[in-house]
C-alpha atoms as a PDB file:
ATOM      1  CA  UNK A   1     -26.361 -63.576 -74.896  1.00  0.00           C
ATOM      2  CA  UNK A   2     -26.605 -65.535 -71.664  1.00  0.00           C
ATOM      3  CA  UNK A   3     -29.678 -67.769 -71.599  1.00  0.00           C
ATOM      4  CA  UNK A   4     -31.269 -68.158 -68.160  1.00  0.00           C
ATOM      5  CA  UNK A   5     -33.951 -70.594 -67.042  1.00  0.00           C
ATOM      6  CA  UNK A   6     -35.479 -69.630 -63.707  1.00  0.00           C
ATOM      7  CA  UNK A   7     -37.858 -71.687 -61.588  1.00  0.00           C
ATOM      8  CA  UNK A   8     -40.152 -70.257 -58.924  1.00  0.00           C
ATOM      9  CA  UNK A   9     -40.990 -73.251 -56.736  1.00  0.00           C
ATOM     10  CA  UNK A  10     -43.283 -71.444 -54.310  1.00  0.00           C
ATOM     11  CA  UNK A  11     -46.828 -72.854 -54.280  1.00  0.00           C
ATOM     12  CA  UNK A  12     -47.930 -69.237 -53.825  1.00  0.00           C
ATOM     13  CA  UNK A  13     -46.205 -68.152 -57.051  1.00  0.00           C
ATOM     14  CA  UNK A  14     -46.465 -64.355 -57.474  1.00  0.00           C
ATOM     15  CA  UNK A  15     -48.203 -63.976 -54.117  1.00  0.00           C
ATOM     16  CA  UNK A  16     -45.385 -65.624 -52.164  1.00  0.00           C
ATOM     17  CA  UNK A  17     -42.291 -64.172 -50.563  1.00  0.00           C
ATOM     18  CA  UNK A  18     -39.994 -65.952 -53.037  1.00  0.00           C
ATOM     19  CA  UNK A  19     -41.237 -63.671 -55.817  1.00  0.00           C
ATOM     20  CA  UNK A  20     -40.331 -60.600 -53.732  1.00  0.00           C
ATOM     21  CA  UNK A  21     -36.644 -61.389 -54.223  1.00  0.00           C
ATOM     22  CA  UNK A  22     -36.625 -63.593 -57.321  1.00  0.00           C
ATOM     23  CA  UNK A  23     -38.509 -61.211 -59.607  1.00  0.00           C
ATOM     24  CA  UNK A  24     -36.251 -58.160 -59.138  1.00  0.00           C
ATOM     25  CA  UNK A  25     -33.230 -60.467 -59.338  1.00  0.00           C
ATOM     26  CA  UNK A  26     -34.397 -61.671 -62.756  1.00  0.00           C
ATOM     27  CA  UNK A  27     -35.078 -58.092 -63.840  1.00  0.00           C
ATOM     28  CA  UNK A  28     -31.480 -57.291 -62.952  1.00  0.00           C
ATOM     29  CA  UNK A  29     -30.312 -60.160 -65.131  1.00  0.00           C
ATOM     30  CA  UNK A  30     -32.352 -58.755 -68.006  1.00  0.00           C
ATOM     31  CA  UNK A  31     -30.878 -55.296 -67.356  1.00  0.00           C
ATOM     32  CA  UNK A  32     -27.450 -56.851 -67.873  1.00  0.00           C
ATOM     33  CA  UNK A  33     -28.481 -58.349 -71.213  1.00  0.00           C
ATOM     34  CA  UNK A  34     -29.574 -61.881 -70.316  1.00  0.00           C
ATOM     35  CA  UNK A  35     -32.458 -63.736 -71.929  1.00  0.00           C
ATOM     36  CA  UNK A  36     -34.626 -64.967 -69.043  1.00  0.00           C
ATOM     37  CA  UNK A  37     -37.484 -67.463 -68.948  1.00  0.00           C
ATOM     38  CA  UNK A  38     -39.407 -68.063 -65.710  1.00  0.00           C
ATOM     39  CA  UNK A  39     -41.316 -71.250 -64.887  1.00  0.00           C
ATOM     40  CA  UNK A  40     -43.642 -71.932 -61.956  1.00  0.00           C
ATOM     41  CA  UNK A  41     -43.627 -75.478 -60.629  1.00  0.00           C
ATOM     42  CA  UNK A  42     -47.254 -75.142 -59.496  1.00  0.00           C
ATOM     43  CA  UNK A  43     -48.320 -74.632 -63.118  1.00  0.00           C
ATOM     44  CA  UNK A  44     -46.427 -77.696 -64.348  1.00  0.00           C
ATOM     45  CA  UNK A  45     -47.575 -81.300 -64.475  1.00  0.00           C
ATOM     46  CA  UNK A  46     -44.457 -83.085 -63.214  1.00  0.00           C
ATOM     47  CA  UNK A  47     -45.054 -86.545 -61.836  1.00  0.00           C
ATOM     48  CA  UNK A  48     -42.619 -88.274 -59.439  1.00  0.00           C
ATOM     49  CA  UNK A  49     -39.662 -90.151 -60.911  1.00  0.00           C
ATOM     50  CA  UNK A  50     -40.287 -93.922 -60.951  1.00  0.00           C
ATOM     51  CA  UNK A  51     -36.570 -94.757 -60.964  1.00  0.00           C
ATOM     52  CA  UNK A  52     -36.465 -97.221 -63.850  1.00  0.00           C
ATOM     53  CA  UNK A  53     -33.457 -95.459 -65.465  1.00  0.00           C
ATOM     54  CA  UNK A  54     -34.885 -95.937 -68.960  1.00  0.00           C
ATOM     55  CA  UNK A  55     -33.877 -92.348 -69.804  1.00  0.00           C
ATOM     56  CA  UNK A  56     -30.248 -93.466 -69.686  1.00  0.00           C
ATOM     57  CA  UNK A  57     -30.965 -96.066 -72.359  1.00  0.00           C
ATOM     58  CA  UNK A  58     -32.969 -93.820 -74.668  1.00  0.00           C
ATOM     59  CA  UNK A  59     -30.705 -90.792 -75.050  1.00  0.00           C
ATOM     60  CA  UNK A  60     -32.529 -88.792 -72.416  1.00  0.00           C
ATOM     61  CA  UNK A  61     -36.128 -89.679 -73.274  1.00  0.00           C
ATOM     62  CA  UNK A  62     -38.198 -90.194 -70.113  1.00  0.00           C
ATOM     63  CA  UNK A  63     -40.911 -92.856 -70.131  1.00  0.00           C
ATOM     64  CA  UNK A  64     -43.314 -90.492 -68.333  1.00  0.00           C
ATOM     65  CA  UNK A  65     -45.376 -88.269 -70.607  1.00  0.00           C
ATOM     66  CA  UNK A  66     -45.840 -84.920 -68.854  1.00  0.00           C
ATOM     67  CA  UNK A  67     -44.479 -81.362 -68.794  1.00  0.00           C
ATOM     68  CA  UNK A  68     -41.014 -82.441 -67.699  1.00  0.00           C
ATOM     69  CA  UNK A  69     -40.077 -83.272 -71.284  1.00  0.00           C
ATOM     70  CA  UNK A  70     -40.252 -79.573 -72.158  1.00  0.00           C
ATOM     71  CA  UNK A  71     -38.540 -78.561 -68.913  1.00  0.00           C
ATOM     72  CA  UNK A  72     -35.613 -80.908 -69.614  1.00  0.00           C
ATOM     73  CA  UNK A  73     -35.212 -79.352 -73.064  1.00  0.00           C
ATOM     74  CA  UNK A  74     -35.167 -75.868 -71.537  1.00  0.00           C
ATOM     75  CA  UNK A  75     -32.661 -76.907 -68.856  1.00  0.00           C
ATOM     76  CA  UNK A  76     -30.452 -78.523 -71.473  1.00  0.00           C
ATOM     77  CA  UNK A  77     -30.239 -75.318 -73.512  1.00  0.00           C
ATOM     78  CA  UNK A  78     -29.807 -72.799 -70.687  1.00  0.00           C
ATOM     79  CA  UNK A  79     -26.445 -71.361 -69.618  1.00  0.00           C
ATOM     80  CA  UNK A  80     -27.709 -70.644 -66.096  1.00  0.00           C
ATOM     81  CA  UNK A  81     -30.336 -72.233 -63.879  1.00  0.00           C
ATOM     82  CA  UNK A  82     -31.800 -69.968 -61.200  1.00  0.00           C
ATOM     83  CA  UNK A  83     -33.862 -71.700 -58.531  1.00  0.00           C
ATOM     84  CA  UNK A  84     -36.224 -69.668 -56.351  1.00  0.00           C
ATOM     85  CA  UNK A  85     -37.008 -71.864 -53.344  1.00  0.00           C
ATOM     86  CA  UNK A  86     -38.869 -71.131 -50.122  1.00  0.00           C
ATOM     87  CA  UNK A  87     -37.633 -73.178 -47.171  1.00  0.00           C
ATOM     88  CA  UNK A  88     -39.736 -76.287 -46.605  1.00  0.00           C
ATOM     89  CA  UNK A  89     -38.204 -79.621 -45.470  1.00  0.00           C
ATOM     90  CA  UNK A  90     -36.230 -78.936 -47.509  1.00  0.00           C
ATOM     91  CA  UNK A  91     -38.141 -78.213 -50.764  1.00  0.00           C
ATOM     92  CA  UNK A  92     -41.739 -77.784 -51.879  1.00  0.00           C
ATOM     93  CA  UNK A  93     -42.901 -81.135 -53.260  1.00  0.00           C
ATOM     94  CA  UNK A  94     -43.301 -79.995 -56.866  1.00  0.00           C
ATOM     95  CA  UNK A  95     -39.714 -78.777 -56.964  1.00  0.00           C
ATOM     96  CA  UNK A  96     -38.421 -82.039 -55.512  1.00  0.00           C
ATOM     97  CA  UNK A  97     -40.191 -83.857 -58.338  1.00  0.00           C
ATOM     98  CA  UNK A  98     -38.528 -81.521 -60.842  1.00  0.00           C
ATOM     99  CA  UNK A  99     -35.064 -82.166 -59.424  1.00  0.00           C
ATOM    100  CA  UNK A 100     -35.572 -85.921 -59.385  1.00  0.00           C
ATOM    101  CA  UNK A 101     -36.764 -85.831 -62.982  1.00  0.00           C
ATOM    102  CA  UNK A 102     -33.561 -84.160 -64.256  1.00  0.00           C
ATOM    103  CA  UNK A 103     -32.079 -87.645 -64.718  1.00  0.00           C
ATOM    104  CA  UNK A 104     -32.470 -87.419 -68.548  1.00  0.00           C
ATOM    105  CA  UNK A 105     -29.790 -84.690 -68.491  1.00  0.00           C
ATOM    106  CA  UNK A 106     -27.240 -87.328 -67.457  1.00  0.00           C
ATOM    107  CA  UNK A 107     -25.879 -90.105 -69.651  1.00  0.00           C
ATOM    108  CA  UNK A 108     -25.697 -92.915 -67.086  1.00  0.00           C
ATOM    109  CA  UNK A 109     -21.913 -93.132 -66.874  1.00  0.00           C
ATOM    110  CA  UNK A 110     -19.871 -92.294 -63.792  1.00  0.00           C
ATOM    111  CA  UNK A 111     -17.660 -89.220 -63.481  1.00  0.00           C
ATOM    112  CA  UNK A 112     -14.969 -89.964 -60.878  1.00  0.00           C
ATOM    113  CA  UNK A 113     -13.524 -86.876 -59.202  1.00  0.00           C
ATOM    114  CA  UNK A 114     -11.765 -86.412 -55.884  1.00  0.00           C
ATOM    115  CA  UNK A 115     -12.540 -89.876 -54.618  1.00  0.00           C
ATOM    116  CA  UNK A 116     -16.245 -89.545 -55.350  1.00  0.00           C
ATOM    117  CA  UNK A 117     -18.480 -90.823 -58.144  1.00  0.00           C
ATOM    118  CA  UNK A 118     -20.903 -88.432 -59.835  1.00  0.00           C
ATOM    119  CA  UNK A 119     -23.407 -88.941 -62.644  1.00  0.00           C
ATOM    120  CA  UNK A 120     -22.070 -87.442 -65.862  1.00  0.00           C
ATOM    121  CA  UNK A 121     -23.956 -84.706 -67.705  1.00  0.00           C
ATOM    122  CA  UNK A 122     -24.725 -85.288 -71.340  1.00  0.00           C
ATOM    123  CA  UNK A 123     -22.326 -83.398 -73.598  1.00  0.00           C
ATOM    124  CA  UNK A 124     -25.039 -81.198 -75.065  1.00  0.00           C
ATOM    125  CA  UNK A 125     -25.976 -79.673 -71.701  1.00  0.00           C
ATOM    126  CA  UNK A 126     -24.836 -76.025 -71.778  1.00  0.00           C
ATOM    127  CA  UNK A 127     -25.043 -75.294 -68.055  1.00  0.00           C
ATOM    128  CA  UNK A 128     -22.354 -73.030 -66.575  1.00  0.00           C
ATOM    129  CA  UNK A 129     -23.920 -71.750 -63.317  1.00  0.00           C
ATOM    130  CA  UNK A 130     -26.632 -72.627 -60.807  1.00  0.00           C
ATOM    131  CA  UNK A 131     -27.990 -69.776 -58.691  1.00  0.00           C
ATOM    132  CA  UNK A 132     -30.166 -70.005 -55.592  1.00  0.00           C
ATOM    133  CA  UNK A 133     -32.669 -67.443 -54.315  1.00  0.00           C
ATOM    134  CA  UNK A 134     -34.318 -68.524 -51.074  1.00  0.00           C
ATOM    135  CA  UNK A 135     -36.723 -67.076 -48.528  1.00  0.00           C
ATOM    136  CA  UNK A 136     -37.955 -68.296 -45.167  1.00  0.00           C
ATOM    137  CA  UNK A 137     -40.347 -67.189 -42.457  1.00  0.00           C
ATOM    138  CA  UNK A 138     -38.043 -67.447 -39.447  1.00  0.00           C
ATOM    139  CA  UNK A 139     -35.519 -64.855 -38.366  1.00  0.00           C
ATOM    140  CA  UNK A 140     -32.006 -66.119 -39.112  1.00  0.00           C
ATOM    141  CA  UNK A 141     -29.767 -67.306 -41.932  1.00  0.00           C
ATOM    142  CA  UNK A 142     -29.179 -70.637 -40.177  1.00  0.00           C
ATOM    143  CA  UNK A 143     -32.585 -71.761 -41.450  1.00  0.00           C
ATOM    144  CA  UNK A 144     -31.281 -71.965 -45.036  1.00  0.00           C
ATOM    145  CA  UNK A 145     -28.664 -74.715 -44.734  1.00  0.00           C
ATOM    146  CA  UNK A 146     -31.167 -77.463 -45.559  1.00  0.00           C
ATOM    147  CA  UNK A 147     -31.874 -75.772 -48.911  1.00  0.00           C
ATOM    148  CA  UNK A 148     -28.370 -74.572 -49.757  1.00  0.00           C
ATOM    149  CA  UNK A 149     -26.546 -77.873 -49.295  1.00  0.00           C
ATOM    150  CA  UNK A 150     -28.431 -80.005 -51.872  1.00  0.00           C
ATOM    151  CA  UNK A 151     -28.407 -77.249 -54.511  1.00  0.00           C
ATOM    152  CA  UNK A 152     -24.702 -76.677 -53.931  1.00  0.00           C
ATOM    153  CA  UNK A 153     -24.153 -80.417 -54.291  1.00  0.00           C
ATOM    154  CA  UNK A 154     -26.088 -80.428 -57.550  1.00  0.00           C
ATOM    155  CA  UNK A 155     -23.844 -77.663 -58.879  1.00  0.00           C
ATOM    156  CA  UNK A 156     -20.809 -79.764 -57.966  1.00  0.00           C
ATOM    157  CA  UNK A 157     -22.299 -82.775 -59.714  1.00  0.00           C
ATOM    158  CA  UNK A 158     -22.884 -80.660 -62.824  1.00  0.00           C
ATOM    159  CA  UNK A 159     -19.447 -78.956 -62.683  1.00  0.00           C
ATOM    160  CA  UNK A 160     -21.319 -75.646 -62.568  1.00  0.00           C
ATOM    161  CA  UNK A 161     -20.394 -72.502 -60.683  1.00  0.00           C
ATOM    162  CA  UNK A 162     -22.400 -71.928 -57.503  1.00  0.00           C
ATOM    163  CA  UNK A 163     -22.139 -68.295 -56.379  1.00  0.00           C
ATOM    164  CA  UNK A 164     -23.155 -67.391 -52.852  1.00  0.00           C
ATOM    165  CA  UNK A 165     -26.948 -67.677 -52.689  1.00  0.00           C
ATOM    166  CA  UNK A 166     -29.266 -64.724 -52.158  1.00  0.00           C
ATOM    167  CA  UNK A 167     -31.135 -65.294 -48.892  1.00  0.00           C
ATOM    168  CA  UNK A 168     -34.041 -63.409 -47.313  1.00  0.00           C
ATOM    169  CA  UNK A 169     -34.967 -64.453 -43.760  1.00  0.00           C
ATOM    170  CA  UNK A 170     -38.227 -63.344 -42.061  1.00  0.00           C
ATOM    171  CA  UNK A 171     -39.502 -62.678 -45.551  1.00  0.00           C
ATOM    172  CA  UNK A 172     -43.144 -62.467 -44.491  1.00  0.00           C
ATOM    173  CA  UNK A 173     -42.238 -59.460 -42.373  1.00  0.00           C
ATOM    174  CA  UNK A 174     -40.578 -57.878 -45.405  1.00  0.00           C
ATOM    175  CA  UNK A 175     -43.767 -58.410 -47.399  1.00  0.00           C
ATOM    176  CA  UNK A 176     -45.865 -56.810 -44.673  1.00  0.00           C
ATOM    177  CA  UNK A 177     -43.540 -53.831 -44.396  1.00  0.00           C
ATOM    178  CA  UNK A 178     -43.544 -53.299 -48.163  1.00  0.00           C
ATOM    179  CA  UNK A 179     -47.344 -53.422 -48.196  1.00  0.00           C
ATOM    180  CA  UNK A 180     -47.438 -50.875 -45.368  1.00  0.00           C
ATOM    181  CA  UNK A 181     -45.135 -48.510 -47.253  1.00  0.00           C
ATOM    182  CA  UNK A 182     -42.200 -48.884 -44.864  1.00  0.00           C
ATOM    183  CA  UNK A 183     -38.773 -47.804 -46.073  1.00  0.00           C
ATOM    184  CA  UNK A 184     -37.486 -51.274 -47.015  1.00  0.00           C
ATOM    185  CA  UNK A 185     -37.423 -50.955 -50.803  1.00  0.00           C
ATOM    186  CA  UNK A 186     -33.618 -50.968 -50.642  1.00  0.00           C
ATOM    187  CA  UNK A 187     -33.824 -54.761 -50.236  1.00  0.00           C
ATOM    188  CA  UNK A 188     -35.719 -55.131 -53.513  1.00  0.00           C
ATOM    189  CA  UNK A 189     -33.258 -52.753 -55.196  1.00  0.00           C
ATOM    190  CA  UNK A 190     -30.340 -54.843 -53.939  1.00  0.00           C
ATOM    191  CA  UNK A 191     -31.944 -58.014 -55.298  1.00  0.00           C
ATOM    192  CA  UNK A 192     -32.113 -56.376 -58.722  1.00  0.00           C
ATOM    193  CA  UNK A 193     -28.472 -55.329 -58.451  1.00  0.00           C
ATOM    194  CA  UNK A 194     -27.562 -58.908 -57.519  1.00  0.00           C
ATOM    195  CA  UNK A 195     -29.088 -60.158 -60.762  1.00  0.00           C
ATOM    196  CA  UNK A 196     -26.976 -57.748 -62.793  1.00  0.00           C
ATOM    197  CA  UNK A 197     -23.877 -58.789 -60.868  1.00  0.00           C
ATOM    198  CA  UNK A 198     -24.424 -62.473 -61.642  1.00  0.00           C
ATOM    199  CA  UNK A 199     -24.467 -61.751 -65.374  1.00  0.00           C
ATOM    200  CA  UNK A 200     -21.620 -59.235 -65.358  1.00  0.00           C
ATOM    201  CA  UNK A 201     -19.336 -60.786 -62.729  1.00  0.00           C
ATOM    202  CA  UNK A 202     -20.534 -64.364 -62.228  1.00  0.00           C
ATOM    203  CA  UNK A 203     -21.107 -63.686 -58.526  1.00  0.00           C
ATOM    204  CA  UNK A 204     -22.948 -61.493 -56.047  1.00  0.00           C
ATOM    205  CA  UNK A 205     -20.920 -59.017 -54.020  1.00  0.00           C
ATOM    206  CA  UNK A 206     -20.857 -59.592 -50.243  1.00  0.00           C
ATOM    207  CA  UNK A 207     -22.264 -56.096 -49.727  1.00  0.00           C
ATOM    208  CA  UNK A 208     -25.264 -56.785 -51.956  1.00  0.00           C
ATOM    209  CA  UNK A 209     -25.923 -60.144 -50.295  1.00  0.00           C
ATOM    210  CA  UNK A 210     -25.776 -58.509 -46.880  1.00  0.00           C
ATOM    211  CA  UNK A 211     -28.344 -55.890 -47.865  1.00  0.00           C
ATOM    212  CA  UNK A 212     -30.806 -58.516 -49.115  1.00  0.00           C
ATOM    213  CA  UNK A 213     -30.358 -60.570 -45.921  1.00  0.00           C
ATOM    214  CA  UNK A 214     -30.281 -57.607 -43.529  1.00  0.00           C
ATOM    215  CA  UNK A 215     -32.404 -58.023 -40.366  1.00  0.00           C
ATOM    216  CA  UNK A 216     -35.432 -55.771 -40.209  1.00  0.00           C
ATOM    217  CA  UNK A 217     -35.928 -56.233 -36.457  1.00  0.00           C
ATOM    218  CA  UNK A 218     -33.868 -57.782 -33.670  1.00  0.00           C
ATOM    219  CA  UNK A 219     -34.137 -61.501 -32.958  1.00  0.00           C
ATOM    220  CA  UNK A 220     -35.663 -60.736 -29.573  1.00  0.00           C
ATOM    221  CA  UNK A 221     -38.378 -58.524 -31.032  1.00  0.00           C
ATOM    222  CA  UNK A 222     -39.199 -61.011 -33.773  1.00  0.00           C
ATOM    223  CA  UNK A 223     -39.251 -63.990 -31.411  1.00  0.00           C
ATOM    224  CA  UNK A 224     -41.478 -62.213 -28.912  1.00  0.00           C
ATOM    225  CA  UNK A 225     -44.124 -61.719 -31.594  1.00  0.00           C
ATOM    226  CA  UNK A 226     -43.865 -65.233 -33.038  1.00  0.00           C
ATOM    227  CA  UNK A 227     -43.817 -67.287 -29.842  1.00  0.00           C
ATOM    228  CA  UNK A 228     -46.678 -67.333 -27.337  1.00  0.00           C
END
């Protein structure tokens, strides 16, 4: 059974737009037989990394005593990491702390590949895939690059697969339309299908990604309402 650790990094947790896409995606993973655990960064006490590198001298034991010790253990034992991230600049602060505090998962030696040096994962890390679910308030997909690039780079560092991310622009409008009973439930259904596809195929089909990202209004209509 595939073991999945998911992180919802929205400060709004279940009330935010990230949950609109992440939750059905995780349900789809469960439908396909995965074991899924979901964490919320807002509920975790994760202090900033102090950069003393002691975790590389102690077999992965961080000198900071907080919730990250348990998170590292969960990350170490998961086959897939799924990150639900709303677009900030680029991440919500709690999630940035979490990423920085993953240093205990590395052993301190250098992994040289393709003319670049990477930190080397500890041998006991089971990770095979990193998935990204992201939402933003503005209209277009070009708003997501600042989130995609560092997560994609992390997957490369970890030698993990990085399937095309699932992106939902103008997600606040989607939330409003769902609350009003508009016929946009097909987006939620597609997010659930995407979760099943990740488990069964290791990727999300272009058609499913397109449905989740599909514009609900034209750029001109959206911009006219958002700009004075």
